[in-house]
Amino acid sequence: MADRESAGPDDGLPQELLFDLAGVDFAARIAGKPEIASLIAHRGEMALLDSIVWMRDEGAQGIGLKHVRPDEFWCAGHFPGKPVFPGVLQIEAGAQLAAFLYYRRSRAQGTSVFLRIDNASFRSMVVPGDDLFILCKDVKFGRRRFVCDVQGLVRGRIAFEARLGGMTMNL
């Protein structure tokens, strides 16, 4: 259980990370739920990000944190007696970080929506008690659209990765 208490990724990660993590303070919190809610529309149990840990280049790169709690809505059914954080919600947490960074950079108005998810893969299980650190890096950034790569890190390992596309709309 001691490895669950790690504050962030360790030096044993493969060189497949989206960007260099040297100098990142994984204990830092530069934005919390109120600041996140000021930029993205998700509320209640679908507001998945707990905090923003780090940003660079006005939001072209960033790291968010999702603390996976044992009382979350999916725990009883995915899977009974052995809960595993659903991959679709990991991707959603990545999309919420991407949207936060996009709105932070663009000052656009509206609600961000998915256009696509490409090359999604899942490598490590995420379970209650884990801290899921989510990395996001811009690939394309436009006035109304964005494409970014996201990765989730848990217990010093890559948990998921994907390329996400989104745009802002007035809903």
Protein backbone atom coordinates (compact mmCIF):
# COMPACT_ATOMS: atom_id res chain seq x y z
CA MET A 1 0.00 0.00 0.00
CA ALA A 2 2.92 2.38 0.46
CA ASP A 3 3.21 2.91 -3.30
CA ARG A 4 -0.35 4.36 -3.32
CA GLU A 5 0.84 7.29 -1.23
CA SER A 6 3.27 8.50 -3.89
CA ALA A 7 2.84 12.21 -4.53
CA GLY A 8 3.44 11.81 -8.23
CA PRO A 9 5.08 9.86 -11.02
CA ASP A 10 8.46 8.33 -10.30
CA ASP A 11 11.65 8.11 -12.33
CA GLY A 12 10.77 4.61 -13.55
CA LEU A 13 8.37 5.80 -16.26
CA PRO A 14 9.14 4.97 -19.88
CA GLN A 15 10.19 7.83 -22.13
CA GLU A 16 6.71 7.95 -23.67
CA LEU A 17 5.51 10.90 -21.60
CA LEU A 18 3.96 13.89 -23.37
CA PHE A 19 6.49 16.26 -21.85
CA ASP A 20 9.34 16.43 -19.37
CA LEU A 21 8.16 16.31 -15.76
CA ALA A 22 11.44 17.54 -14.28
CA GLY A 23 10.75 20.37 -11.87
CA VAL A 24 7.00 19.70 -11.61
CA ASP A 25 5.77 19.90 -8.01
CA PHE A 26 3.01 17.28 -7.88
CA ALA A 27 1.95 18.54 -4.45
CA ALA A 28 1.21 22.03 -5.85
CA ARG A 29 -2.36 23.18 -6.49
CA ILE A 30 -2.57 26.24 -8.75
CA ALA A 31 -6.35 25.97 -9.25
CA GLY A 32 -9.06 24.13 -7.33
CA LYS A 33 -12.64 23.14 -8.05
CA PRO A 34 -14.00 26.75 -7.94
CA GLU A 35 -11.47 27.95 -10.54
CA ILE A 36 -12.08 24.90 -12.72
CA ALA A 37 -15.86 25.45 -12.50
CA SER A 38 -15.39 29.07 -13.57
CA LEU A 39 -14.13 27.85 -16.98
CA ILE A 40 -15.84 24.52 -17.72
CA ALA A 41 -19.51 23.56 -17.49
CA HIS A 42 -19.29 20.22 -15.67
CA ARG A 43 -20.98 20.07 -12.27
CA GLY A 44 -21.87 17.58 -9.58
CA GLU A 45 -20.58 14.06 -9.95
CA MET A 46 -19.44 14.78 -13.52
CA ALA A 47 -16.98 17.48 -12.39
CA LEU A 48 -14.08 15.04 -12.35
CA LEU A 49 -11.02 17.25 -11.84
CA ASP A 50 -10.06 18.08 -8.27
CA SER A 51 -7.29 20.52 -9.07
CA ILE A 52 -4.80 21.86 -11.57
CA VAL A 53 -1.25 21.03 -10.50
CA TRP A 54 0.88 22.73 -13.17
CA MET A 55 0.64 24.74 -16.40
CA ARG A 56 3.14 26.04 -18.93
CA ASP A 57 2.90 28.32 -21.97
CA GLU A 58 -0.40 29.87 -20.83
CA GLY A 59 -2.06 26.47 -20.86
CA ALA A 60 -0.49 24.78 -23.90
CA GLN A 61 0.62 22.10 -21.44
CA GLY A 62 -0.84 21.25 -18.08
CA ILE A 63 -1.32 18.66 -15.38
CA GLY A 64 -4.56 18.05 -13.50
CA LEU A 65 -5.41 15.80 -10.58
CA LYS A 66 -8.34 13.45 -10.06
CA HIS A 67 -8.40 11.83 -6.61
CA VAL A 68 -10.37 8.61 -7.03
CA ARG A 69 -12.66 8.22 -4.01
CA PRO A 70 -14.36 5.02 -2.77
CA ASP A 71 -17.77 6.77 -2.56
CA GLU A 72 -18.04 7.69 -6.25
CA PHE A 73 -21.20 6.80 -8.17
CA TRP A 74 -19.59 4.08 -10.31
CA CYS A 75 -17.87 2.12 -7.49
CA ALA A 76 -20.77 -0.21 -6.62
CA GLY A 77 -21.24 -1.43 -10.18
CA HIS A 78 -17.81 -1.23 -11.90
CA PHE A 79 -17.00 -3.83 -10.60
CA PRO A 80 -18.89 -5.14 -7.52
CA GLY A 81 -16.43 -5.82 -4.72
CA LYS A 82 -13.43 -4.70 -6.81
CA PRO A 83 -14.08 -1.19 -8.15
CA VAL A 84 -12.03 0.03 -11.11
CA PHE A 85 -12.29 3.63 -12.35
CA PRO A 86 -13.95 3.32 -15.80
CA GLY A 87 -11.74 4.13 -18.77
CA VAL A 88 -14.44 6.33 -20.28
CA LEU A 89 -14.33 8.51 -17.14
CA GLN A 90 -10.53 8.67 -17.33
CA ILE A 91 -10.88 10.01 -20.87
CA GLU A 92 -13.58 12.42 -19.67
CA ALA A 93 -11.25 13.73 -16.95
CA GLY A 94 -8.62 14.28 -19.65
CA ALA A 95 -11.18 16.12 -21.77
CA GLN A 96 -12.11 18.34 -18.83
CA LEU A 97 -8.45 19.25 -18.34
CA ALA A 98 -8.13 19.96 -22.07
CA ALA A 99 -11.21 22.19 -21.93
CA PHE A 100 -9.93 24.06 -18.86
CA LEU A 101 -6.58 24.73 -20.55
CA TYR A 102 -8.28 25.72 -23.82
CA TYR A 103 -10.57 28.25 -22.12
CA ARG A 104 -7.70 29.54 -20.00
CA ARG A 105 -5.73 30.24 -23.17
CA SER A 106 -8.42 31.31 -25.62
CA ARG A 107 -10.88 33.24 -23.46
CA ALA A 108 -13.55 31.69 -25.72
CA GLN A 109 -17.17 31.61 -24.59
CA GLY A 110 -19.50 28.60 -24.67
CA THR A 111 -19.27 24.95 -23.71
CA SER A 112 -16.61 22.62 -25.04
CA VAL A 113 -17.82 19.39 -26.61
CA PHE A 114 -15.99 16.31 -27.89
CA LEU A 115 -15.48 15.97 -31.60
CA ARG A 116 -13.33 12.87 -31.49
CA ILE A 117 -11.27 10.48 -29.43
CA ASP A 118 -8.37 8.83 -31.25
CA ASN A 119 -5.79 6.23 -30.31
CA ALA A 120 -7.15 5.64 -26.81
CA SER A 121 -5.38 2.93 -24.86
CA PHE A 122 -5.48 1.81 -21.25
CA ARG A 123 -2.41 0.37 -19.55
CA SER A 124 -2.94 0.35 -15.77
CA MET A 125 -5.99 0.01 -13.55
CA VAL A 126 -7.05 3.02 -11.50
CA VAL A 127 -8.82 2.18 -8.24
CA PRO A 128 -10.31 4.06 -5.29
CA GLY A 129 -7.58 5.71 -3.26
CA ASP A 130 -5.45 6.47 -6.32
CA ASP A 131 -4.36 9.93 -7.41
CA LEU A 132 -4.68 10.09 -11.19
CA PHE A 133 -2.42 12.81 -12.59
CA ILE A 134 -3.53 13.84 -16.06
CA LEU A 135 -1.10 15.38 -18.56
CA CYS A 136 -2.38 17.44 -21.48
CA LYS A 137 -0.44 18.92 -24.40
CA ASP A 138 -1.83 20.98 -27.28
CA VAL A 139 -1.44 19.56 -30.78
CA LYS A 140 -3.63 22.18 -32.53
CA PHE A 141 -5.13 25.30 -31.04
CA GLY A 142 -7.67 27.48 -32.85
CA ARG A 143 -10.30 30.08 -32.17
CA ARG A 144 -13.09 27.51 -31.72
CA ARG A 145 -11.38 24.10 -31.97
CA PHE A 146 -8.57 22.25 -30.29
CA VAL A 147 -6.76 18.93 -30.51
CA CYS A 148 -4.60 17.68 -27.68
CA ASP A 149 -2.87 14.59 -26.39
CA VAL A 150 -3.67 13.41 -22.86
CA GLN A 151 -2.13 10.82 -20.56
CA GLY A 152 -3.06 9.60 -17.11
CA LEU A 153 -0.38 8.64 -14.60
CA VAL A 154 -1.11 6.51 -11.55
CA ARG A 155 1.36 5.03 -9.05
CA GLY A 156 4.25 5.99 -11.33
CA ARG A 157 2.79 4.31 -14.44
CA ILE A 158 0.90 5.41 -17.52
CA ALA A 159 -2.76 4.46 -16.97
CA PHE A 160 -4.25 5.78 -20.21
CA GLU A 161 -3.51 7.92 -23.24
CA ALA A 162 -5.53 9.37 -26.11
CA ARG A 163 -5.77 12.19 -28.63
CA LEU A 164 -8.87 14.34 -28.09
CA GLY A 165 -10.55 16.87 -30.33
CA GLY A 166 -13.06 19.41 -29.17
CA MET A 167 -14.75 22.65 -30.01
CA THR A 168 -16.69 25.35 -28.26
CA MET A 169 -20.46 25.63 -28.82
CA ASN A 170 -23.31 27.64 -27.39
CA LEU A 171 -25.56 25.05 -25.74
